[in-house]
Structure formats: structure tokens, C-alpha cells
Amino acid sequence: MILIRAIIRPDKKDEVLAALSAAGFNAVTVVDVVGRGKQKGIKIGGVVYDEIPKSLLLMAVRAEYKQEIVKVIMEAAKTGEKGAYGDGKIFVSPVSEVYTVSSGMKEL
């Protein structure tokens, strides 16, 4: 299994979730977070906002679905034709063990 973590614009959250669901991937954990990327925040007038709202999507899935899920997220999260700074990042990590809390069973 793998863990896909996608940090996206909060205004794209519903669009990304709908695209994932349409592709058959319904199991997603969503967390509202704040942070900043390479742009070091946003300056509006004389005020610098360095904690920008984002949405964090977490998905533990079989590795065979990685490419499809990453493609769906990238297409749905992109702003406009070419994208823009702040559209987000996707991180993929291996998962060594998964347990179901209710049954105590280890999943494969």
C-alpha cells in the first residue's frame, strides 16, 4: 500500500473530491491546514500573509492505483490551463502496515 498526501487550494477541494469519486476512489480523509510554499506567503499592501489556507487530502491505497489517483488529483487541482503557483503538491510514500481498528485485523 501507499499513502498519497495532496496539499491543494481549499477552493479546489470539492472539485478534486468529486473527480476522485467519479474515478471510483471514495475513501479520502480531508484536513484543513495552513502553510506556505516557495512563494513565502502573499503580500497584500503592507501586510504579509505567511499562513495560507490549504486542504490536505490523505488516501491509503494499493500501489497499483497510484498513477490514476495522482493524475485525477493533478487535473482537478490545477488552476487554469497551465496551473499557477500555490496549486499544491502531491506526496507518495510507502505504507508498511495497516490495521482495521474495529476488527484488529492487519490488512495486506
N, C-alpha and C. Protein backbone atom coordinates (compact mmCIF):
# COMPACT_ATOMS: atom_id res chain seq x y z
N MET A 1 0.84 -1.19 0.00
CA MET A 1 0.00 0.00 0.00
C MET A 1 0.88 1.24 0.00
N ILE A 2 0.26 2.34 -0.40
CA ILE A 2 0.94 3.63 -0.39
C ILE A 2 0.03 4.66 0.27
N LEU A 3 0.64 5.74 0.72
CA LEU A 3 -0.10 6.87 1.26
C LEU A 3 0.10 8.04 0.32
N ILE A 4 -1.00 8.56 -0.20
CA ILE A 4 -0.96 9.74 -1.05
C ILE A 4 -1.44 10.92 -0.21
N ARG A 5 -0.58 11.94 -0.14
CA ARG A 5 -0.93 13.18 0.56
C ARG A 5 -0.92 14.29 -0.46
N ALA A 6 -2.03 14.95 -0.62
CA ALA A 6 -2.12 16.05 -1.58
C ALA A 6 -2.50 17.33 -0.84
N ILE A 7 -1.68 18.34 -1.01
CA ILE A 7 -1.97 19.65 -0.44
C ILE A 7 -2.46 20.51 -1.60
N ILE A 8 -3.70 20.98 -1.50
CA ILE A 8 -4.32 21.71 -2.61
C ILE A 8 -4.99 22.99 -2.10
N ARG A 9 -5.39 23.82 -3.06
CA ARG A 9 -6.15 25.02 -2.71
C ARG A 9 -7.51 24.60 -2.14
N PRO A 10 -7.98 25.25 -1.08
CA PRO A 10 -9.26 24.86 -0.50
C PRO A 10 -10.44 25.06 -1.46
N ASP A 11 -10.34 26.01 -2.36
CA ASP A 11 -11.43 26.22 -3.32
C ASP A 11 -11.47 25.13 -4.39
N LYS A 12 -10.46 24.29 -4.46
CA LYS A 12 -10.43 23.16 -5.40
C LYS A 12 -10.83 21.84 -4.73
N LYS A 13 -11.02 21.87 -3.42
CA LYS A 13 -11.29 20.64 -2.66
C LYS A 13 -12.50 19.88 -3.19
N ASP A 14 -13.63 20.55 -3.34
CA ASP A 14 -14.85 19.87 -3.80
C ASP A 14 -14.68 19.29 -5.21
N GLU A 15 -14.01 20.04 -6.07
CA GLU A 15 -13.76 19.58 -7.43
C GLU A 15 -12.87 18.32 -7.45
N VAL A 16 -11.83 18.33 -6.63
CA VAL A 16 -10.92 17.17 -6.56
C VAL A 16 -11.65 15.97 -5.97
N LEU A 17 -12.41 16.17 -4.90
CA LEU A 17 -13.15 15.06 -4.28
C LEU A 17 -14.17 14.47 -5.24
N ALA A 18 -14.84 15.33 -6.01
CA ALA A 18 -15.82 14.85 -7.00
C ALA A 18 -15.12 14.04 -8.09
N ALA A 19 -13.96 14.51 -8.54
CA ALA A 19 -13.22 13.79 -9.58
C ALA A 19 -12.72 12.44 -9.07
N LEU A 20 -12.24 12.40 -7.83
CA LEU A 20 -11.80 11.13 -7.24
C LEU A 20 -12.97 10.16 -7.12
N SER A 21 -14.10 10.67 -6.66
CA SER A 21 -15.29 9.82 -6.51
C SER A 21 -15.75 9.29 -7.87
N ALA A 22 -15.75 10.14 -8.89
CA ALA A 22 -16.15 9.72 -10.23
C ALA A 22 -15.23 8.64 -10.78
N ALA A 23 -13.96 8.67 -10.34
CA ALA A 23 -12.99 7.66 -10.78
C ALA A 23 -13.04 6.40 -9.92
N GLY A 24 -13.91 6.40 -8.90
CA GLY A 24 -14.07 5.21 -8.06
C GLY A 24 -13.27 5.21 -6.78
N PHE A 25 -12.69 6.36 -6.43
CA PHE A 25 -11.87 6.46 -5.22
C PHE A 25 -12.60 7.34 -4.21
N ASN A 26 -13.36 6.73 -3.32
CA ASN A 26 -14.20 7.47 -2.38
C ASN A 26 -13.56 7.67 -1.01
N ALA A 27 -12.62 6.82 -0.64
CA ALA A 27 -12.03 6.86 0.70
C ALA A 27 -10.94 7.93 0.78
N VAL A 28 -11.29 9.07 1.36
CA VAL A 28 -10.35 10.19 1.48
C VAL A 28 -10.54 10.84 2.84
N THR A 29 -9.45 11.17 3.49
CA THR A 29 -9.50 11.97 4.71
C THR A 29 -9.10 13.39 4.32
N VAL A 30 -9.89 14.38 4.77
CA VAL A 30 -9.63 15.77 4.42
C VAL A 30 -9.35 16.55 5.71
N VAL A 31 -8.28 17.33 5.68
CA VAL A 31 -7.90 18.15 6.83
C VAL A 31 -7.64 19.57 6.34
N ASP A 32 -8.21 20.55 7.01
CA ASP A 32 -7.91 21.95 6.70
C ASP A 32 -6.60 22.30 7.39
N VAL A 33 -5.65 22.82 6.62
CA VAL A 33 -4.32 23.16 7.14
C VAL A 33 -3.94 24.56 6.68
N VAL A 34 -2.85 25.07 7.21
CA VAL A 34 -2.27 26.33 6.74
C VAL A 34 -0.79 26.11 6.49
N GLY A 35 -0.23 26.89 5.60
CA GLY A 35 1.19 26.76 5.32
C GLY A 35 1.59 27.71 4.22
N ARG A 36 2.82 27.53 3.75
CA ARG A 36 3.30 28.34 2.65
C ARG A 36 4.30 27.52 1.85
N GLY A 37 4.44 27.90 0.60
CA GLY A 37 5.38 27.21 -0.29
C GLY A 37 6.54 28.11 -0.63
N LYS A 38 7.06 27.91 -1.82
CA LYS A 38 8.22 28.66 -2.28
C LYS A 38 7.97 30.17 -2.32
N GLN A 39 6.72 30.55 -2.51
CA GLN A 39 6.42 31.98 -2.64
C GLN A 39 6.48 32.70 -1.30
N LYS A 40 6.67 31.98 -0.20
CA LYS A 40 6.82 32.56 1.14
C LYS A 40 5.61 33.37 1.58
N GLY A 41 4.44 32.98 1.15
CA GLY A 41 3.23 33.69 1.55
C GLY A 41 2.78 34.69 0.49
N ILE A 42 1.84 35.52 0.89
CA ILE A 42 1.28 36.52 -0.02
C ILE A 42 1.38 37.88 0.64
N LYS A 43 1.80 38.90 -0.14
CA LYS A 43 1.86 40.26 0.38
C LYS A 43 0.72 41.05 -0.25
N ILE A 44 -0.15 41.56 0.60
CA ILE A 44 -1.26 42.40 0.15
C ILE A 44 -1.11 43.74 0.85
N GLY A 45 -0.81 44.77 0.05
CA GLY A 45 -0.49 46.06 0.64
C GLY A 45 0.79 45.93 1.43
N GLY A 46 0.76 46.34 2.67
CA GLY A 46 1.94 46.22 3.52
C GLY A 46 1.92 45.01 4.43
N VAL A 47 0.92 44.15 4.27
CA VAL A 47 0.76 43.00 5.15
C VAL A 47 1.18 41.72 4.42
N VAL A 48 2.01 40.91 5.09
CA VAL A 48 2.43 39.62 4.55
C VAL A 48 1.65 38.52 5.25
N TYR A 49 0.97 37.70 4.46
CA TYR A 49 0.25 36.55 4.99
C TYR A 49 1.08 35.31 4.69
N ASP A 50 1.71 34.76 5.73
CA ASP A 50 2.58 33.61 5.50
C ASP A 50 1.94 32.29 5.93
N GLU A 51 0.73 32.33 6.40
CA GLU A 51 -0.03 31.11 6.69
C GLU A 51 -1.25 31.11 5.79
N ILE A 52 -1.11 30.43 4.66
CA ILE A 52 -2.14 30.40 3.64
C ILE A 52 -3.00 29.16 3.82
N PRO A 53 -4.33 29.30 3.81
CA PRO A 53 -5.20 28.13 3.96
C PRO A 53 -5.02 27.14 2.80
N LYS A 54 -4.96 25.87 3.13
CA LYS A 54 -4.88 24.78 2.16
C LYS A 54 -5.73 23.63 2.66
N SER A 55 -5.96 22.66 1.79
CA SER A 55 -6.65 21.42 2.18
C SER A 55 -5.67 20.27 1.97
N LEU A 56 -5.61 19.38 2.94
CA LEU A 56 -4.75 18.20 2.87
C LEU A 56 -5.65 16.98 2.68
N LEU A 57 -5.42 16.26 1.57
CA LEU A 57 -6.15 15.03 1.30
C LEU A 57 -5.23 13.86 1.59
N LEU A 58 -5.73 12.87 2.33
CA LEU A 58 -4.95 11.68 2.67
C LEU A 58 -5.67 10.46 2.13
N MET A 59 -4.92 9.61 1.42
CA MET A 59 -5.51 8.39 0.86
C MET A 59 -4.51 7.24 1.01
N ALA A 60 -4.91 6.18 1.68
CA ALA A 60 -4.10 4.96 1.74
C ALA A 60 -4.72 4.00 0.73
N VAL A 61 -3.94 3.67 -0.32
CA VAL A 61 -4.47 2.87 -1.43
C VAL A 61 -3.44 1.83 -1.87
N ARG A 62 -3.90 0.90 -2.66
CA ARG A 62 -2.99 -0.08 -3.26
C ARG A 62 -2.09 0.63 -4.26
N ALA A 63 -0.85 0.23 -4.29
CA ALA A 63 0.14 0.88 -5.15
C ALA A 63 -0.26 0.88 -6.62
N GLU A 64 -1.03 -0.10 -7.04
CA GLU A 64 -1.43 -0.18 -8.45
C GLU A 64 -2.32 0.97 -8.89
N TYR A 65 -2.93 1.69 -7.94
CA TYR A 65 -3.80 2.81 -8.26
C TYR A 65 -3.08 4.16 -8.24
N LYS A 66 -1.82 4.16 -7.91
CA LYS A 66 -1.06 5.41 -7.72
C LYS A 66 -1.16 6.34 -8.92
N GLN A 67 -0.80 5.87 -10.10
CA GLN A 67 -0.76 6.75 -11.27
C GLN A 67 -2.13 7.35 -11.58
N GLU A 68 -3.17 6.54 -11.48
CA GLU A 68 -4.52 7.03 -11.79
C GLU A 68 -4.95 8.11 -10.80
N ILE A 69 -4.71 7.86 -9.52
CA ILE A 69 -5.11 8.83 -8.49
C ILE A 69 -4.32 10.13 -8.62
N VAL A 70 -3.01 10.03 -8.82
CA VAL A 70 -2.19 11.23 -8.99
C VAL A 70 -2.67 12.03 -10.20
N LYS A 71 -2.98 11.36 -11.29
CA LYS A 71 -3.47 12.04 -12.49
C LYS A 71 -4.78 12.76 -12.22
N VAL A 72 -5.71 12.09 -11.55
CA VAL A 72 -7.01 12.70 -11.24
C VAL A 72 -6.83 13.94 -10.38
N ILE A 73 -6.00 13.85 -9.35
CA ILE A 73 -5.77 14.99 -8.46
C ILE A 73 -5.12 16.13 -9.22
N MET A 74 -4.09 15.83 -10.00
CA MET A 74 -3.38 16.89 -10.74
C MET A 74 -4.30 17.62 -11.71
N GLU A 75 -5.13 16.88 -12.41
CA GLU A 75 -6.04 17.51 -13.37
C GLU A 75 -7.10 18.36 -12.68
N ALA A 76 -7.66 17.86 -11.59
CA ALA A 76 -8.74 18.58 -10.91
C ALA A 76 -8.23 19.74 -10.05
N ALA A 77 -7.00 19.66 -9.56
CA ALA A 77 -6.48 20.69 -8.66
C ALA A 77 -5.81 21.85 -9.40
N LYS A 78 -5.49 21.65 -10.66
CA LYS A 78 -4.78 22.67 -11.42
C LYS A 78 -5.68 23.87 -11.69
N THR A 79 -5.12 25.06 -11.53
CA THR A 79 -5.82 26.30 -11.82
C THR A 79 -5.56 26.70 -13.26
N GLY A 80 -6.62 26.79 -14.05
CA GLY A 80 -6.48 27.19 -15.45
C GLY A 80 -5.78 26.14 -16.29
N GLU A 81 -5.40 26.54 -17.49
CA GLU A 81 -4.77 25.63 -18.45
C GLU A 81 -3.36 25.23 -18.04
N LYS A 82 -2.58 26.20 -17.56
CA LYS A 82 -1.17 25.95 -17.25
C LYS A 82 -0.89 25.75 -15.76
N GLY A 83 -1.87 26.03 -14.92
CA GLY A 83 -1.63 25.96 -13.49
C GLY A 83 -1.03 27.25 -12.97
N ALA A 84 -0.87 27.32 -11.65
CA ALA A 84 -0.33 28.53 -11.03
C ALA A 84 0.38 28.16 -9.74
N TYR A 85 1.28 29.06 -9.30
CA TYR A 85 1.92 28.85 -8.00
C TYR A 85 0.85 28.69 -6.94
N GLY A 86 1.06 27.77 -6.03
CA GLY A 86 0.10 27.55 -4.96
C GLY A 86 -0.96 26.52 -5.26
N ASP A 87 -0.91 25.90 -6.46
CA ASP A 87 -1.89 24.87 -6.79
C ASP A 87 -1.71 23.63 -5.91
N GLY A 88 -0.52 23.42 -5.40
CA GLY A 88 -0.34 22.33 -4.45
C GLY A 88 0.81 21.38 -4.77
N LYS A 89 0.89 20.35 -3.96
CA LYS A 89 1.90 19.30 -4.07
C LYS A 89 1.24 17.97 -3.77
N ILE A 90 1.80 16.91 -4.35
CA ILE A 90 1.34 15.55 -4.06
C ILE A 90 2.55 14.75 -3.59
N PHE A 91 2.42 14.11 -2.46
CA PHE A 91 3.49 13.29 -1.89
C PHE A 91 3.02 11.84 -1.85
N VAL A 92 3.88 10.92 -2.26
CA VAL A 92 3.55 9.50 -2.26
C VAL A 92 4.59 8.78 -1.40
N SER A 93 4.11 8.01 -0.42
CA SER A 93 5.00 7.29 0.50
C SER A 93 4.55 5.85 0.65
N PRO A 94 5.49 4.94 0.88
CA PRO A 94 5.09 3.56 1.14
C PRO A 94 4.45 3.43 2.52
N VAL A 95 3.54 2.48 2.65
CA VAL A 95 2.90 2.17 3.94
C VAL A 95 3.30 0.74 4.28
N SER A 96 3.93 0.55 5.43
CA SER A 96 4.42 -0.78 5.76
C SER A 96 3.36 -1.66 6.43
N GLU A 97 2.44 -1.07 7.18
CA GLU A 97 1.40 -1.85 7.85
C GLU A 97 0.12 -1.05 7.94
N VAL A 98 -1.01 -1.76 7.86
CA VAL A 98 -2.33 -1.16 8.01
C VAL A 98 -3.17 -2.08 8.88
N TYR A 99 -3.85 -1.53 9.87
CA TYR A 99 -4.72 -2.30 10.75
C TYR A 99 -6.12 -1.69 10.74
N THR A 100 -7.13 -2.53 10.81
CA THR A 100 -8.51 -2.08 10.97
C THR A 100 -8.80 -2.05 12.46
N VAL A 101 -9.17 -0.90 12.97
CA VAL A 101 -9.38 -0.72 14.41
C VAL A 101 -10.48 -1.61 14.93
N SER A 102 -11.61 -1.67 14.25
CA SER A 102 -12.76 -2.43 14.77
C SER A 102 -12.48 -3.92 14.91
N SER A 103 -11.76 -4.50 13.95
CA SER A 103 -11.51 -5.94 13.99
C SER A 103 -10.13 -6.30 14.53
N GLY A 104 -9.23 -5.33 14.54
CA GLY A 104 -7.87 -5.59 14.96
C GLY A 104 -7.07 -6.35 13.90
N MET A 105 -7.66 -6.52 12.74
CA MET A 105 -7.01 -7.30 11.69
C MET A 105 -5.98 -6.44 10.94
N LYS A 106 -4.89 -7.11 10.58
CA LYS A 106 -3.89 -6.47 9.75
C LYS A 106 -4.30 -6.67 8.30
N GLU A 107 -4.26 -5.58 7.53
CA GLU A 107 -4.62 -5.67 6.11
C GLU A 107 -3.38 -5.92 5.29
N LEU A 108 -3.58 -6.48 4.13
CA LEU A 108 -2.46 -6.76 3.23
C LEU A 108 -2.18 -5.61 2.31
